Structure formats: C-alpha cells, structure tokens
Amino acid sequence: MERLAKTEPHVELTDEQRAALAAVDEKFTAKIAEKEVFLNDLIGKATASGNFEELAELEMQKTREISRLRTECEAAKEELRKSADS
C-alpha cells in the first residue's frame, strides 16, 4: 500500500463526489445493458435465419460498443477524480 501511495497519491473524495461517480457508473451500466439487449436480439435473429456473416459482424460490433462504453465510463470517472484534486 505504501508503494502505491508513492506512485499515485491517495485522494479523499467527498460524499458528493462519490455520489457523482456512482451516478456515472449507473448511467454507463444502463447504456451497456441497453446495447447488449439490442444487439443480442439482432444476434438471435441472425442466428435463427442462418446468416452467419451478419452474426459475426454483430458479435464484433457488440464487443466494440461495450468496450467503447466502458472506456467512456472510465474517462468520465477519471475526469471527476481530477476535478476532486483541484
């Protein structure tokens, strides 16, 4: 723990900042779930119709979209953490 504190200083967050981080997390969790439901429906339809080219593309799209949303979530939370430093 002490070594970690040397490389990344420990920042105390206020209750408001914790709530803001939780809100960002909830927002992106909902966006990810929405995207998964939508794309899983399309994947199911492509599977049922035997369209394996579309199936592969939808699987890749799902992976890209979820990765993008997780990256955006972490960026938004990091921005909030940086504003706590100042």
C-alpha atoms as a PDB file:
ATOM      1  CA  MET A   1       0.000   0.000   0.000  1.00  0.00           C
ATOM      2  CA  GLU A   2       2.802   2.414   0.825  1.00  0.00           C
ATOM      3  CA  ARG A   3       4.467   1.856  -2.554  1.00  0.00           C
ATOM      4  CA  LEU A   4       1.184   2.559  -4.296  1.00  0.00           C
ATOM      5  CA  ALA A   5       0.799   5.789  -2.355  1.00  0.00           C
ATOM      6  CA  LYS A   6       4.183   6.940  -3.653  1.00  0.00           C
ATOM      7  CA  THR A   7       3.214   6.473  -7.305  1.00  0.00           C
ATOM      8  CA  GLU A   8      -0.416   7.539  -7.019  1.00  0.00           C
ATOM      9  CA  PRO A   9      -1.345   9.850  -4.188  1.00  0.00           C
ATOM     10  CA  HIS A  10      -4.417   8.915  -2.213  1.00  0.00           C
ATOM     11  CA  VAL A  11      -7.292  11.305  -2.844  1.00  0.00           C
ATOM     12  CA  GLU A  12     -10.087  11.643  -0.349  1.00  0.00           C
ATOM     13  CA  LEU A  13     -13.444  12.009  -2.065  1.00  0.00           C
ATOM     14  CA  THR A  14     -16.394  13.811  -0.601  1.00  0.00           C
ATOM     15  CA  ASP A  15     -19.793  12.177  -0.388  1.00  0.00           C
ATOM     16  CA  GLU A  16     -20.928  14.342  -3.316  1.00  0.00           C
ATOM     17  CA  GLN A  17     -18.016  13.147  -5.444  1.00  0.00           C
ATOM     18  CA  ARG A  18     -18.709   9.524  -4.526  1.00  0.00           C
ATOM     19  CA  ALA A  19     -22.353  10.036  -5.489  1.00  0.00           C
ATOM     20  CA  ALA A  20     -21.298  11.594  -8.803  1.00  0.00           C
ATOM     21  CA  LEU A  21     -19.009   8.623  -9.520  1.00  0.00           C
ATOM     22  CA  ALA A  22     -21.821   6.214  -8.667  1.00  0.00           C
ATOM     23  CA  ALA A  23     -24.185   8.130 -10.966  1.00  0.00           C
ATOM     24  CA  VAL A  24     -21.695   7.882 -13.846  1.00  0.00           C
ATOM     25  CA  ASP A  25     -21.322   4.164 -13.167  1.00  0.00           C
ATOM     26  CA  GLU A  26     -25.107   3.662 -13.144  1.00  0.00           C
ATOM     27  CA  LYS A  27     -25.530   5.663 -16.348  1.00  0.00           C
ATOM     28  CA  PHE A  28     -22.953   3.633 -18.255  1.00  0.00           C
ATOM     29  CA  THR A  29     -24.120   0.328 -16.780  1.00  0.00           C
ATOM     30  CA  ALA A  30     -27.588   1.135 -18.131  1.00  0.00           C
ATOM     31  CA  LYS A  31     -26.172   2.121 -21.542  1.00  0.00           C
ATOM     32  CA  ILE A  32     -24.177  -1.120 -21.733  1.00  0.00           C
ATOM     33  CA  ALA A  33     -27.209  -3.206 -20.751  1.00  0.00           C
ATOM     34  CA  GLU A  34     -29.352  -1.415 -23.333  1.00  0.00           C
ATOM     35  CA  LYS A  35     -26.767  -2.031 -26.062  1.00  0.00           C
ATOM     36  CA  GLU A  36     -26.420  -5.693 -25.058  1.00  0.00           C
ATOM     37  CA  VAL A  37     -30.173  -6.278 -25.161  1.00  0.00           C
ATOM     38  CA  PHE A  38     -30.481  -4.593 -28.556  1.00  0.00           C
ATOM     39  CA  LEU A  39     -27.541  -6.414 -30.126  1.00  0.00           C
ATOM     40  CA  ASN A  40     -28.398  -9.766 -28.516  1.00  0.00           C
ATOM     41  CA  ASP A  41     -31.827  -9.503 -30.147  1.00  0.00           C
ATOM     42  CA  LEU A  42     -30.211  -8.886 -33.530  1.00  0.00           C
ATOM     43  CA  ILE A  43     -27.749 -11.724 -32.906  1.00  0.00           C
ATOM     44  CA  GLY A  44     -30.646 -14.047 -32.100  1.00  0.00           C
ATOM     45  CA  LYS A  45     -32.428 -13.079 -35.319  1.00  0.00           C
ATOM     46  CA  ALA A  46     -29.253 -13.567 -37.379  1.00  0.00           C
ATOM     47  CA  THR A  47     -28.700 -16.976 -35.777  1.00  0.00           C
ATOM     48  CA  ALA A  48     -32.284 -18.031 -36.427  1.00  0.00           C
ATOM     49  CA  SER A  49     -32.074 -17.010 -40.072  1.00  0.00           C
ATOM     50  CA  GLY A  50     -28.695 -18.719 -40.513  1.00  0.00           C
ATOM     51  CA  ASN A  51     -26.970 -15.504 -41.565  1.00  0.00           C
ATOM     52  CA  PHE A  52     -23.534 -16.276 -40.143  1.00  0.00           C
ATOM     53  CA  GLU A  53     -21.746 -13.345 -41.807  1.00  0.00           C
ATOM     54  CA  GLU A  54     -24.104 -10.910 -40.125  1.00  0.00           C
ATOM     55  CA  LEU A  55     -23.800 -12.882 -36.890  1.00  0.00           C
ATOM     56  CA  ALA A  56     -20.016 -12.482 -36.844  1.00  0.00           C
ATOM     57  CA  GLU A  57     -20.296  -8.761 -37.607  1.00  0.00           C
ATOM     58  CA  LEU A  58     -22.885  -8.270 -34.845  1.00  0.00           C
ATOM     59  CA  GLU A  59     -20.679 -10.104 -32.342  1.00  0.00           C
ATOM     60  CA  MET A  60     -17.749  -7.845 -33.230  1.00  0.00           C
ATOM     61  CA  GLN A  61     -19.982  -4.762 -33.038  1.00  0.00           C
ATOM     62  CA  LYS A  62     -21.213  -5.827 -29.611  1.00  0.00           C
ATOM     63  CA  THR A  63     -17.638  -6.232 -28.379  1.00  0.00           C
ATOM     64  CA  ARG A  64     -16.595  -2.844 -29.813  1.00  0.00           C
ATOM     65  CA  GLU A  65     -19.616  -0.998 -28.425  1.00  0.00           C
ATOM     66  CA  ILE A  66     -19.247  -2.418 -24.916  1.00  0.00           C
ATOM     67  CA  SER A  67     -15.523  -1.690 -24.911  1.00  0.00           C
ATOM     68  CA  ARG A  68     -16.163   1.880 -26.110  1.00  0.00           C
ATOM     69  CA  LEU A  69     -18.793   2.474 -23.422  1.00  0.00           C
ATOM     70  CA  ARG A  70     -16.519   1.109 -20.683  1.00  0.00           C
ATOM     71  CA  THR A  71     -13.713   3.379 -21.885  1.00  0.00           C
ATOM     72  CA  GLU A  72     -16.051   6.380 -21.873  1.00  0.00           C
ATOM     73  CA  CYS A  73     -17.199   5.466 -18.370  1.00  0.00           C
ATOM     74  CA  GLU A  74     -13.646   5.301 -17.043  1.00  0.00           C
ATOM     75  CA  ALA A  75     -12.789   8.592 -18.758  1.00  0.00           C
ATOM     76  CA  ALA A  76     -15.809  10.293 -17.196  1.00  0.00           C
ATOM     77  CA  LYS A  77     -14.929   8.937 -13.757  1.00  0.00           C
ATOM     78  CA  GLU A  78     -11.292   9.960 -14.158  1.00  0.00           C
ATOM     79  CA  GLU A  79     -12.429  13.475 -15.068  1.00  0.00           C
ATOM     80  CA  LEU A  80     -14.446  13.607 -11.836  1.00  0.00           C
ATOM     81  CA  ARG A  81     -11.478  12.354  -9.848  1.00  0.00           C
ATOM     82  CA  LYS A  82      -9.219  15.009 -11.391  1.00  0.00           C
ATOM     83  CA  SER A  83     -11.697  17.721 -10.504  1.00  0.00           C
ATOM     84  CA  ALA A  84     -11.524  16.445  -6.897  1.00  0.00           C
ATOM     85  CA  ASP A  85      -7.785  17.160  -6.885  1.00  0.00           C
ATOM     86  CA  SER A  86      -8.216  20.817  -7.726  1.00  0.00           C
END
